[in-house]
Amino acid sequence: MTAMEILEEEKALDQLQELQVNDKENESAVESTLNINSLPSVDEVEGILGYQFNNKRLLEEAFTHASLGQGFSNERLEYVGDSVLNLLFTKEQYFEYPDLPPGALTRLRAANVDTEKLARVAVKHGLHRYLRHKKPLLEEQIRQFSKEIQLYPLHSNGLVDVPKALADLVESTIGAVFVDSNFSIDIVWKVFKDLLEPIIRRETLKIHPVTQLYEVCQKRNLKVEFVDLWKESTAFDVVVDGQLVGRGACSLKKEIAHNRAAKDALDNIWRILDPKDDCIAEETYSLT
């Protein structure tokens, strides 16, 4: 083979490779277009919110998860929404509860802005149906979450696994409305006040099961021990004064298994108490 023939062959190979690259780029472009076209439309979200966006791009951004790989996501709006939501509850509760000290107000606010509470808002109003993402397991997580919260009308206090993407979605939507309304917290509160119901209030705030278990036992001079079996069986046992009174399991998160064990112990601890001590079920969380 002559030098000229070698050069011509190399040139032909280069052209072929270029054609293959262009074909792949075209395929990627088509695939990208198809993916975008198959994404859920966010137009109906305005009807759910009762708010018309001046900048529709903000609405689209609020419902775009980072996993989609579009070059933008709802993370920045989530950051804004988180701050705005905390400020809104700080303002509302400051005037609603003039007698509560800062510590109590902080606990009350935290209950209304935590991951589970916001995820419930997303599911209740169907906002999750418009989230654009590429998280394969998210749909099943949402289905399971929607099922489990039926057992706890207001809040589970750490007993269910919560898809964080749902809470992030609510925060990013709040952030989008805040920016779109020229940074008006009054407009944001008007839009979201009813959507955030049922709001956890002073009289409906419940104590966390782990905290409650320790308080119940401390009042009665009982020794509490959590036995960590999570690596072996994704569970925790609760032993009170040498007696097994509770067990909780969760294969997804160790913390949830721990919380479920505490709740089970609270449900069963009456077995080792004085028969006259029947006030555990009536012990509630007092904000003082």
C-alpha atoms as a PDB file:
ATOM      1  CA  MET A   1       0.000   0.000   0.000  1.00  0.00           C
ATOM      2  CA  THR A   2       1.453   3.354  -1.060  1.00  0.00           C
ATOM      3  CA  ALA A   3       1.752   6.378   1.208  1.00  0.00           C
ATOM      4  CA  MET A   4      -0.994   8.089  -0.783  1.00  0.00           C
ATOM      5  CA  GLU A   5      -3.335   5.135  -0.267  1.00  0.00           C
ATOM      6  CA  ILE A   6      -2.595   5.122   3.461  1.00  0.00           C
ATOM      7  CA  LEU A   7      -3.429   8.837   3.706  1.00  0.00           C
ATOM      8  CA  GLU A   8      -6.660   8.339   1.786  1.00  0.00           C
ATOM      9  CA  GLU A   9      -7.640   5.424   4.060  1.00  0.00           C
ATOM     10  CA  GLU A  10      -6.931   7.469   7.199  1.00  0.00           C
ATOM     11  CA  LYS A  11      -8.994  10.326   5.767  1.00  0.00           C
ATOM     12  CA  ALA A  12     -11.883   7.967   5.082  1.00  0.00           C
ATOM     13  CA  LEU A  13     -11.683   6.593   8.636  1.00  0.00           C
ATOM     14  CA  ASP A  14     -11.738  10.130  10.039  1.00  0.00           C
ATOM     15  CA  GLN A  15     -14.824  10.962   7.989  1.00  0.00           C
ATOM     16  CA  LEU A  16     -16.521   7.773   9.138  1.00  0.00           C
ATOM     17  CA  GLN A  17     -15.769   8.559  12.796  1.00  0.00           C
ATOM     18  CA  GLU A  18     -17.104  12.084  12.307  1.00  0.00           C
ATOM     19  CA  LEU A  19     -20.294  10.689  10.821  1.00  0.00           C
ATOM     20  CA  GLN A  20     -20.666   8.301  13.753  1.00  0.00           C
ATOM     21  CA  VAL A  21     -20.177  11.141  16.245  1.00  0.00           C
ATOM     22  CA  ASN A  22     -22.766  13.262  14.436  1.00  0.00           C
ATOM     23  CA  ASP A  23     -25.198  10.345  14.411  1.00  0.00           C
ATOM     24  CA  LYS A  24     -24.769   9.889  18.153  1.00  0.00           C
ATOM     25  CA  GLU A  25     -25.256  13.610  18.753  1.00  0.00           C
ATOM     26  CA  ASN A  26     -28.390  13.560  16.631  1.00  0.00           C
ATOM     27  CA  GLU A  27     -29.679  10.517  18.511  1.00  0.00           C
ATOM     28  CA  SER A  28     -28.959  12.239  21.823  1.00  0.00           C
ATOM     29  CA  ALA A  29     -30.723  15.372  20.649  1.00  0.00           C
ATOM     30  CA  VAL A  30     -33.763  13.370  19.572  1.00  0.00           C
ATOM     31  CA  GLU A  31     -33.743  11.428  22.847  1.00  0.00           C
ATOM     32  CA  SER A  32     -33.419  14.677  24.795  1.00  0.00           C
ATOM     33  CA  THR A  33     -36.335  16.184  22.894  1.00  0.00           C
ATOM     34  CA  LEU A  34     -38.438  13.112  23.515  1.00  0.00           C
ATOM     35  CA  ASN A  35     -37.577  13.187  27.223  1.00  0.00           C
ATOM     36  CA  ILE A  36     -38.501  16.854  27.503  1.00  0.00           C
ATOM     37  CA  ASN A  37     -41.724  16.336  25.591  1.00  0.00           C
ATOM     38  CA  SER A  38     -42.657  13.402  27.831  1.00  0.00           C
ATOM     39  CA  LEU A  39     -42.172  15.395  31.032  1.00  0.00           C
ATOM     40  CA  PRO A  40     -45.309  16.294  32.970  1.00  0.00           C
ATOM     41  CA  SER A  41     -46.656  19.759  32.207  1.00  0.00           C
ATOM     42  CA  VAL A  42     -46.555  22.162  35.134  1.00  0.00           C
ATOM     43  CA  ASP A  43     -49.335  24.369  33.769  1.00  0.00           C
ATOM     44  CA  GLU A  44     -51.909  22.785  36.088  1.00  0.00           C
ATOM     45  CA  VAL A  45     -49.820  23.680  39.133  1.00  0.00           C
ATOM     46  CA  GLU A  46     -50.975  27.286  38.899  1.00  0.00           C
ATOM     47  CA  GLY A  47     -54.522  26.074  39.413  1.00  0.00           C
ATOM     48  CA  ILE A  48     -53.506  24.109  42.519  1.00  0.00           C
ATOM     49  CA  LEU A  49     -51.695  27.115  43.941  1.00  0.00           C
ATOM     50  CA  GLY A  50     -54.284  29.657  42.896  1.00  0.00           C
ATOM     51  CA  TYR A  51     -51.433  31.811  41.641  1.00  0.00           C
ATOM     52  CA  GLN A  52     -50.465  32.888  38.121  1.00  0.00           C
ATOM     53  CA  PHE A  53     -46.747  33.201  37.527  1.00  0.00           C
ATOM     54  CA  ASN A  54     -45.372  36.217  35.722  1.00  0.00           C
ATOM     55  CA  ASN A  55     -42.213  34.251  34.971  1.00  0.00           C
ATOM     56  CA  LYS A  56     -43.177  30.708  33.945  1.00  0.00           C
ATOM     57  CA  ARG A  57     -39.512  29.744  33.942  1.00  0.00           C
ATOM     58  CA  LEU A  58     -39.515  29.935  37.749  1.00  0.00           C
ATOM     59  CA  LEU A  59     -42.373  27.440  37.922  1.00  0.00           C
ATOM     60  CA  GLU A  60     -40.562  25.067  35.572  1.00  0.00           C
ATOM     61  CA  GLU A  61     -37.371  25.396  37.611  1.00  0.00           C
ATOM     62  CA  ALA A  62     -39.209  24.707  40.873  1.00  0.00           C
ATOM     63  CA  PHE A  63     -40.448  21.355  39.542  1.00  0.00           C
ATOM     64  CA  THR A  64     -37.168  20.197  37.967  1.00  0.00           C
ATOM     65  CA  HIS A  65     -35.141  17.809  40.113  1.00  0.00           C
ATOM     66  CA  ALA A  66     -31.356  17.774  39.778  1.00  0.00           C
ATOM     67  CA  SER A  67     -31.500  14.125  38.653  1.00  0.00           C
ATOM     68  CA  LEU A  68     -33.054  15.218  35.353  1.00  0.00           C
ATOM     69  CA  GLY A  69     -29.721  16.702  34.264  1.00  0.00           C
ATOM     70  CA  GLN A  70     -31.169  19.724  32.494  1.00  0.00           C
ATOM     71  CA  GLY A  71     -28.422  22.122  33.562  1.00  0.00           C
ATOM     72  CA  PHE A  72     -30.739  23.695  36.128  1.00  0.00           C
ATOM     73  CA  SER A  73     -32.748  22.368  39.057  1.00  0.00           C
ATOM     74  CA  ASN A  74     -34.942  23.424  41.947  1.00  0.00           C
ATOM     75  CA  GLU A  75     -32.096  23.443  44.465  1.00  0.00           C
ATOM     76  CA  ARG A  76     -31.579  27.219  44.541  1.00  0.00           C
ATOM     77  CA  LEU A  77     -35.311  27.907  44.859  1.00  0.00           C
ATOM     78  CA  GLU A  78     -35.489  25.260  47.575  1.00  0.00           C
ATOM     79  CA  TYR A  79     -32.833  27.191  49.489  1.00  0.00           C
ATOM     80  CA  VAL A  80     -34.895  30.371  49.174  1.00  0.00           C
ATOM     81  CA  GLY A  81     -38.161  28.661  50.059  1.00  0.00           C
ATOM     82  CA  ASP A  82     -36.707  27.073  53.188  1.00  0.00           C
ATOM     83  CA  SER A  83     -35.710  30.482  54.554  1.00  0.00           C
ATOM     84  CA  VAL A  84     -39.011  32.101  53.582  1.00  0.00           C
ATOM     85  CA  LEU A  85     -41.071  29.329  55.173  1.00  0.00           C
ATOM     86  CA  ASN A  86     -39.178  29.598  58.452  1.00  0.00           C
ATOM     87  CA  LEU A  87     -39.669  33.366  58.454  1.00  0.00           C
ATOM     88  CA  LEU A  88     -43.396  33.016  57.760  1.00  0.00           C
ATOM     89  CA  PHE A  89     -43.978  30.639  60.661  1.00  0.00           C
ATOM     90  CA  THR A  90     -41.784  32.749  62.915  1.00  0.00           C
ATOM     91  CA  LYS A  91     -43.933  35.789  62.142  1.00  0.00           C
ATOM     92  CA  GLU A  92     -47.302  34.024  62.439  1.00  0.00           C
ATOM     93  CA  GLN A  93     -46.504  32.197  65.663  1.00  0.00           C
ATOM     94  CA  TYR A  94     -44.957  35.248  67.293  1.00  0.00           C
ATOM     95  CA  PHE A  95     -48.318  37.007  67.144  1.00  0.00           C
ATOM     96  CA  GLU A  96     -50.485  33.892  67.654  1.00  0.00           C
ATOM     97  CA  TYR A  97     -48.715  32.812  70.858  1.00  0.00           C
ATOM     98  CA  PRO A  98     -47.616  35.969  72.744  1.00  0.00           C
ATOM     99  CA  ASP A  99     -47.069  33.929  75.925  1.00  0.00           C
ATOM    100  CA  LEU A 100     -44.730  31.254  74.519  1.00  0.00           C
ATOM    101  CA  PRO A 101     -40.968  31.529  75.120  1.00  0.00           C
ATOM    102  CA  PRO A 102     -38.470  31.210  72.212  1.00  0.00           C
ATOM    103  CA  GLY A 103     -37.701  27.542  72.878  1.00  0.00           C
ATOM    104  CA  ALA A 104     -41.344  26.523  72.646  1.00  0.00           C
ATOM    105  CA  LEU A 105     -41.882  28.646  69.539  1.00  0.00           C
ATOM    106  CA  THR A 106     -38.867  26.981  67.927  1.00  0.00           C
ATOM    107  CA  ARG A 107     -40.266  23.480  68.561  1.00  0.00           C
ATOM    108  CA  LEU A 108     -43.648  24.491  67.195  1.00  0.00           C
ATOM    109  CA  ARG A 109     -42.131  26.021  64.084  1.00  0.00           C
ATOM    110  CA  ALA A 110     -39.871  23.002  63.521  1.00  0.00           C
ATOM    111  CA  ALA A 111     -42.887  20.665  63.559  1.00  0.00           C
ATOM    112  CA  ASN A 112     -44.510  22.655  60.744  1.00  0.00           C
ATOM    113  CA  VAL A 113     -41.507  22.907  58.441  1.00  0.00           C
ATOM    114  CA  ASP A 114     -39.894  19.502  58.829  1.00  0.00           C
ATOM    115  CA  THR A 115     -39.484  17.024  55.979  1.00  0.00           C
ATOM    116  CA  GLU A 116     -42.508  14.870  56.769  1.00  0.00           C
ATOM    117  CA  LYS A 117     -44.897  17.789  57.208  1.00  0.00           C
ATOM    118  CA  LEU A 118     -43.927  19.336  53.869  1.00  0.00           C
ATOM    119  CA  ALA A 119     -43.949  15.985  52.065  1.00  0.00           C
ATOM    120  CA  ARG A 120     -47.528  15.532  53.267  1.00  0.00           C
ATOM    121  CA  VAL A 121     -48.427  18.854  51.649  1.00  0.00           C
ATOM    122  CA  ALA A 122     -47.006  17.700  48.308  1.00  0.00           C
ATOM    123  CA  VAL A 123     -48.979  14.439  48.393  1.00  0.00           C
ATOM    124  CA  LYS A 124     -52.216  15.971  49.674  1.00  0.00           C
ATOM    125  CA  HIS A 125     -52.380  18.475  46.819  1.00  0.00           C
ATOM    126  CA  GLY A 126     -50.875  16.230  44.157  1.00  0.00           C
ATOM    127  CA  LEU A 127     -47.834  18.398  43.536  1.00  0.00           C
ATOM    128  CA  HIS A 128     -45.639  15.303  43.279  1.00  0.00           C
ATOM    129  CA  ARG A 129     -47.374  14.369  40.023  1.00  0.00           C
ATOM    130  CA  TYR A 130     -45.653  17.285  38.271  1.00  0.00           C
ATOM    131  CA  LEU A 131     -42.121  16.764  39.584  1.00  0.00           C
ATOM    132  CA  ARG A 132     -39.668  16.215  36.729  1.00  0.00           C
ATOM    133  CA  HIS A 133     -36.996  13.723  37.741  1.00  0.00           C
ATOM    134  CA  LYS A 134     -35.016  10.603  36.886  1.00  0.00           C
ATOM    135  CA  LYS A 135     -35.082   8.859  40.255  1.00  0.00           C
ATOM    136  CA  PRO A 136     -36.149   5.255  39.538  1.00  0.00           C
ATOM    137  CA  LEU A 137     -37.260   4.462  43.076  1.00  0.00           C
ATOM    138  CA  LEU A 138     -39.031   7.718  43.887  1.00  0.00           C
ATOM    139  CA  GLU A 139     -42.480   6.725  42.634  1.00  0.00           C
ATOM    140  CA  GLU A 140     -42.538   3.605  44.806  1.00  0.00           C
ATOM    141  CA  GLN A 141     -41.263   5.601  47.796  1.00  0.00           C
ATOM    142  CA  ILE A 142     -44.075   8.104  47.322  1.00  0.00           C
ATOM    143  CA  ARG A 143     -46.645   5.333  47.028  1.00  0.00           C
ATOM    144  CA  GLN A 144     -45.425   3.721  50.248  1.00  0.00           C
ATOM    145  CA  PHE A 145     -45.281   7.068  52.050  1.00  0.00           C
ATOM    146  CA  SER A 146     -48.826   7.939  50.961  1.00  0.00           C
ATOM    147  CA  LYS A 147     -50.017   4.610  52.340  1.00  0.00           C
ATOM    148  CA  GLU A 148     -48.195   4.801  55.677  1.00  0.00           C
ATOM    149  CA  ILE A 149     -49.264   8.334  56.601  1.00  0.00           C
ATOM    150  CA  GLN A 150     -52.885   7.201  56.604  1.00  0.00           C
ATOM    151  CA  LEU A 151     -52.114   5.733  60.026  1.00  0.00           C
ATOM    152  CA  TYR A 152     -51.003   9.134  61.326  1.00  0.00           C
ATOM    153  CA  PRO A 153     -53.412  11.903  60.271  1.00  0.00           C
ATOM    154  CA  LEU A 154     -51.249  14.803  61.459  1.00  0.00           C
ATOM    155  CA  HIS A 155     -47.657  13.574  61.853  1.00  0.00           C
ATOM    156  CA  SER A 156     -45.916  10.267  62.542  1.00  0.00           C
ATOM    157  CA  ASN A 157     -43.091  11.801  64.598  1.00  0.00           C
ATOM    158  CA  GLY A 158     -40.385   9.815  62.876  1.00  0.00           C
ATOM    159  CA  LEU A 159     -42.197   6.510  62.285  1.00  0.00           C
ATOM    160  CA  VAL A 160     -42.351   6.576  58.463  1.00  0.00           C
ATOM    161  CA  ASP A 161     -39.776   6.914  55.694  1.00  0.00           C
ATOM    162  CA  VAL A 162     -40.171  10.264  53.955  1.00  0.00           C
ATOM    163  CA  PRO A 163     -39.117  10.978  50.337  1.00  0.00           C
ATOM    164  CA  LYS A 164     -37.092  14.160  50.865  1.00  0.00           C
ATOM    165  CA  ALA A 165     -37.661  15.201  47.240  1.00  0.00           C
ATOM    166  CA  LEU A 166     -41.302  15.949  48.139  1.00  0.00           C
ATOM    167  CA  ALA A 167     -40.398  18.365  50.918  1.00  0.00           C
ATOM    168  CA  ASP A 168     -37.784  19.963  48.661  1.00  0.00           C
ATOM    169  CA  LEU A 169     -40.474  20.425  46.013  1.00  0.00           C
ATOM    170  CA  VAL A 170     -42.750  22.348  48.377  1.00  0.00           C
ATOM    171  CA  GLU A 171     -39.865  24.565  49.479  1.00  0.00           C
ATOM    172  CA  SER A 172     -38.792  25.270  45.885  1.00  0.00           C
ATOM    173  CA  THR A 173     -42.376  26.162  44.957  1.00  0.00           C
ATOM    174  CA  ILE A 174     -42.537  28.580  47.870  1.00  0.00           C
ATOM    175  CA  GLY A 175     -39.227  30.036  46.701  1.00  0.00           C
ATOM    176  CA  ALA A 176     -40.547  30.416  43.161  1.00  0.00           C
ATOM    177  CA  VAL A 177     -43.653  32.313  44.299  1.00  0.00           C
ATOM    178  CA  PHE A 178     -41.515  34.512  46.547  1.00  0.00           C
ATOM    179  CA  VAL A 179     -39.185  35.512  43.713  1.00  0.00           C
ATOM    180  CA  ASP A 180     -42.012  35.857  41.167  1.00  0.00           C
ATOM    181  CA  SER A 181     -44.046  38.095  43.495  1.00  0.00           C
ATOM    182  CA  ASN A 182     -41.145  40.530  43.818  1.00  0.00           C
ATOM    183  CA  PHE A 183     -40.121  39.022  47.156  1.00  0.00           C
ATOM    184  CA  SER A 184     -43.443  39.489  48.933  1.00  0.00           C
ATOM    185  CA  ILE A 185     -43.816  37.266  52.015  1.00  0.00           C
ATOM    186  CA  ASP A 186     -47.430  38.443  52.329  1.00  0.00           C
ATOM    187  CA  ILE A 187     -48.301  37.029  48.903  1.00  0.00           C
ATOM    188  CA  VAL A 188     -46.472  33.786  49.695  1.00  0.00           C
ATOM    189  CA  TRP A 189     -48.441  33.363  52.921  1.00  0.00           C
ATOM    190  CA  LYS A 190     -51.709  34.108  51.119  1.00  0.00           C
ATOM    191  CA  VAL A 191     -50.914  31.412  48.536  1.00  0.00           C
ATOM    192  CA  PHE A 192     -49.660  28.742  50.924  1.00  0.00           C
ATOM    193  CA  LYS A 193     -51.547  29.262  54.186  1.00  0.00           C
ATOM    194  CA  ASP A 194     -54.409  26.950  53.254  1.00  0.00           C
ATOM    195  CA  LEU A 195     -52.142  24.522  51.380  1.00  0.00           C
ATOM    196  CA  LEU A 196     -50.086  23.987  54.541  1.00  0.00           C
ATOM    197  CA  GLU A 197     -53.120  22.939  56.575  1.00  0.00           C
ATOM    198  CA  PRO A 198     -53.502  21.165  58.878  1.00  0.00           C
ATOM    199  CA  ILE A 199     -50.991  23.386  60.642  1.00  0.00           C
ATOM    200  CA  ILE A 200     -49.643  21.860  63.850  1.00  0.00           C
ATOM    201  CA  ARG A 201     -50.645  24.110  66.715  1.00  0.00           C
ATOM    202  CA  ARG A 202     -49.874  24.359  70.388  1.00  0.00           C
ATOM    203  CA  GLU A 203     -52.637  21.967  71.379  1.00  0.00           C
ATOM    204  CA  THR A 204     -51.880  19.387  68.648  1.00  0.00           C
ATOM    205  CA  LEU A 205     -48.087  19.213  68.939  1.00  0.00           C
ATOM    206  CA  LYS A 206     -47.052  15.723  70.033  1.00  0.00           C
ATOM    207  CA  ILE A 207     -43.879  14.639  71.735  1.00  0.00           C
ATOM    208  CA  HIS A 208     -41.384  12.434  69.878  1.00  0.00           C
ATOM    209  CA  PRO A 209     -41.734   8.769  70.993  1.00  0.00           C
ATOM    210  CA  VAL A 210     -38.089   8.446  72.068  1.00  0.00           C
ATOM    211  CA  THR A 211     -38.303  11.610  74.170  1.00  0.00           C
ATOM    212  CA  GLN A 212     -41.618  10.536  75.638  1.00  0.00           C
ATOM    213  CA  LEU A 213     -40.323   7.079  76.552  1.00  0.00           C
ATOM    214  CA  TYR A 214     -37.368   8.533  78.440  1.00  0.00           C
ATOM    215  CA  GLU A 215     -39.618  11.028  80.243  1.00  0.00           C
ATOM    216  CA  VAL A 216     -42.148   8.363  81.236  1.00  0.00           C
ATOM    217  CA  CYS A 217     -39.414   6.109  82.608  1.00  0.00           C
ATOM    218  CA  GLN A 218     -37.544   8.909  84.341  1.00  0.00           C
ATOM    219  CA  LYS A 219     -40.661   9.945  86.239  1.00  0.00           C
ATOM    220  CA  ARG A 220     -41.023   6.369  87.494  1.00  0.00           C
ATOM    221  CA  ASN A 221     -37.320   5.661  88.116  1.00  0.00           C
ATOM    222  CA  LEU A 222     -37.215   2.994  85.410  1.00  0.00           C
ATOM    223  CA  LYS A 223     -34.032   2.136  83.489  1.00  0.00           C
ATOM    224  CA  VAL A 224     -34.329   2.248  79.688  1.00  0.00           C
ATOM    225  CA  GLU A 225     -32.028   0.420  77.293  1.00  0.00           C
ATOM    226  CA  PHE A 226     -32.150   0.338  73.493  1.00  0.00           C
ATOM    227  CA  VAL A 227     -30.593  -2.840  72.088  1.00  0.00           C
ATOM    228  CA  ASP A 228     -29.186  -2.227  68.617  1.00  0.00           C
ATOM    229  CA  LEU A 229     -29.964  -5.205  66.368  1.00  0.00           C
ATOM    230  CA  TRP A 230     -30.136  -3.226  63.165  1.00  0.00           C
ATOM    231  CA  LYS A 231     -27.147  -4.825  61.437  1.00  0.00           C
ATOM    232  CA  GLU A 232     -28.491  -8.297  62.139  1.00  0.00           C
ATOM    233  CA  SER A 233     -32.234  -7.843  61.709  1.00  0.00           C
ATOM    234  CA  THR A 234     -32.833  -4.113  60.933  1.00  0.00           C
ATOM    235  CA  ALA A 235     -34.449  -3.797  64.366  1.00  0.00           C
ATOM    236  CA  PHE A 236     -34.121  -2.361  67.866  1.00  0.00           C
ATOM    237  CA  ASP A 237     -35.317  -3.892  71.115  1.00  0.00           C
ATOM    238  CA  VAL A 238     -36.320  -1.789  74.118  1.00  0.00           C
ATOM    239  CA  VAL A 239     -35.649  -3.176  77.574  1.00  0.00           C
ATOM    240  CA  VAL A 240     -37.096  -1.426  80.612  1.00  0.00           C
ATOM    241  CA  ASP A 241     -35.945  -2.566  84.036  1.00  0.00           C
ATOM    242  CA  GLY A 242     -34.720  -5.819  82.539  1.00  0.00           C
ATOM    243  CA  GLN A 243     -37.938  -6.610  80.679  1.00  0.00           C
ATOM    244  CA  LEU A 244     -38.432  -6.567  76.923  1.00  0.00           C
ATOM    245  CA  VAL A 245     -41.275  -4.134  76.246  1.00  0.00           C
ATOM    246  CA  GLY A 246     -40.824  -3.077  72.645  1.00  0.00           C
ATOM    247  CA  ARG A 247     -39.354  -3.788  69.247  1.00  0.00           C
ATOM    248  CA  GLY A 248     -39.219  -1.753  66.062  1.00  0.00           C
ATOM    249  CA  ALA A 249     -37.861  -2.534  62.615  1.00  0.00           C
ATOM    250  CA  CYS A 250     -37.161  -0.660  59.395  1.00  0.00           C
ATOM    251  CA  SER A 251     -34.889  -1.934  56.642  1.00  0.00           C
ATOM    252  CA  LEU A 252     -34.510   1.492  55.053  1.00  0.00           C
ATOM    253  CA  LYS A 253     -33.350   3.689  57.922  1.00  0.00           C
ATOM    254  CA  LYS A 254     -31.875   2.865  61.297  1.00  0.00           C
ATOM    255  CA  GLU A 255     -33.368   5.974  62.905  1.00  0.00           C
ATOM    256  CA  ILE A 256     -36.905   4.927  61.984  1.00  0.00           C
ATOM    257  CA  ALA A 257     -36.372   1.480  63.498  1.00  0.00           C
ATOM    258  CA  HIS A 258     -35.186   3.190  66.685  1.00  0.00           C
ATOM    259  CA  ASN A 259     -38.262   5.436  66.776  1.00  0.00           C
ATOM    260  CA  ARG A 260     -40.650   2.562  66.104  1.00  0.00           C
ATOM    261  CA  ALA A 261     -39.114   0.575  68.956  1.00  0.00           C
ATOM    262  CA  ALA A 262     -39.746   3.490  71.317  1.00  0.00           C
ATOM    263  CA  LYS A 263     -43.355   3.783  70.152  1.00  0.00           C
ATOM    264  CA  ASP A 264     -43.917   0.048  70.614  1.00  0.00           C
ATOM    265  CA  ALA A 265     -42.426   0.255  74.102  1.00  0.00           C
ATOM    266  CA  LEU A 266     -44.782   3.095  75.007  1.00  0.00           C
ATOM    267  CA  ASP A 267     -47.717   0.988  73.845  1.00  0.00           C
ATOM    268  CA  ASN A 268     -46.600  -1.955  76.001  1.00  0.00           C
ATOM    269  CA  ILE A 269     -44.929  -0.431  79.034  1.00  0.00           C
ATOM    270  CA  TRP A 270     -48.110  -0.620  81.107  1.00  0.00           C
ATOM    271  CA  ARG A 271     -47.344  -4.336  81.544  1.00  0.00           C
ATOM    272  CA  ILE A 272     -44.510  -3.613  83.950  1.00  0.00           C
ATOM    273  CA  LEU A 273     -46.055  -0.649  85.726  1.00  0.00           C
ATOM    274  CA  ASP A 274     -48.202  -0.448  88.790  1.00  0.00           C
ATOM    275  CA  PRO A 275     -51.778  -1.332  87.744  1.00  0.00           C
ATOM    276  CA  LYS A 276     -52.891   1.967  89.250  1.00  0.00           C
ATOM    277  CA  ASP A 277     -50.544   3.890  86.915  1.00  0.00           C
ATOM    278  CA  ASP A 278     -52.837   4.334  83.948  1.00  0.00           C
ATOM    279  CA  CYS A 279     -51.946   7.872  82.948  1.00  0.00           C
ATOM    280  CA  ILE A 280     -49.293   7.212  80.263  1.00  0.00           C
ATOM    281  CA  ALA A 281     -51.761   7.520  77.419  1.00  0.00           C
ATOM    282  CA  GLU A 282     -52.910  10.838  78.838  1.00  0.00           C
ATOM    283  CA  GLU A 283     -49.418  12.305  79.129  1.00  0.00           C
ATOM    284  CA  THR A 284     -49.118  14.944  76.440  1.00  0.00           C
ATOM    285  CA  TYR A 285     -46.552  17.442  75.364  1.00  0.00           C
ATOM    286  CA  SER A 286     -46.809  20.716  77.236  1.00  0.00           C
ATOM    287  CA  LEU A 287     -45.230  23.787  75.664  1.00  0.00           C
ATOM    288  CA  THR A 288     -43.919  25.900  78.499  1.00  0.00           C
END
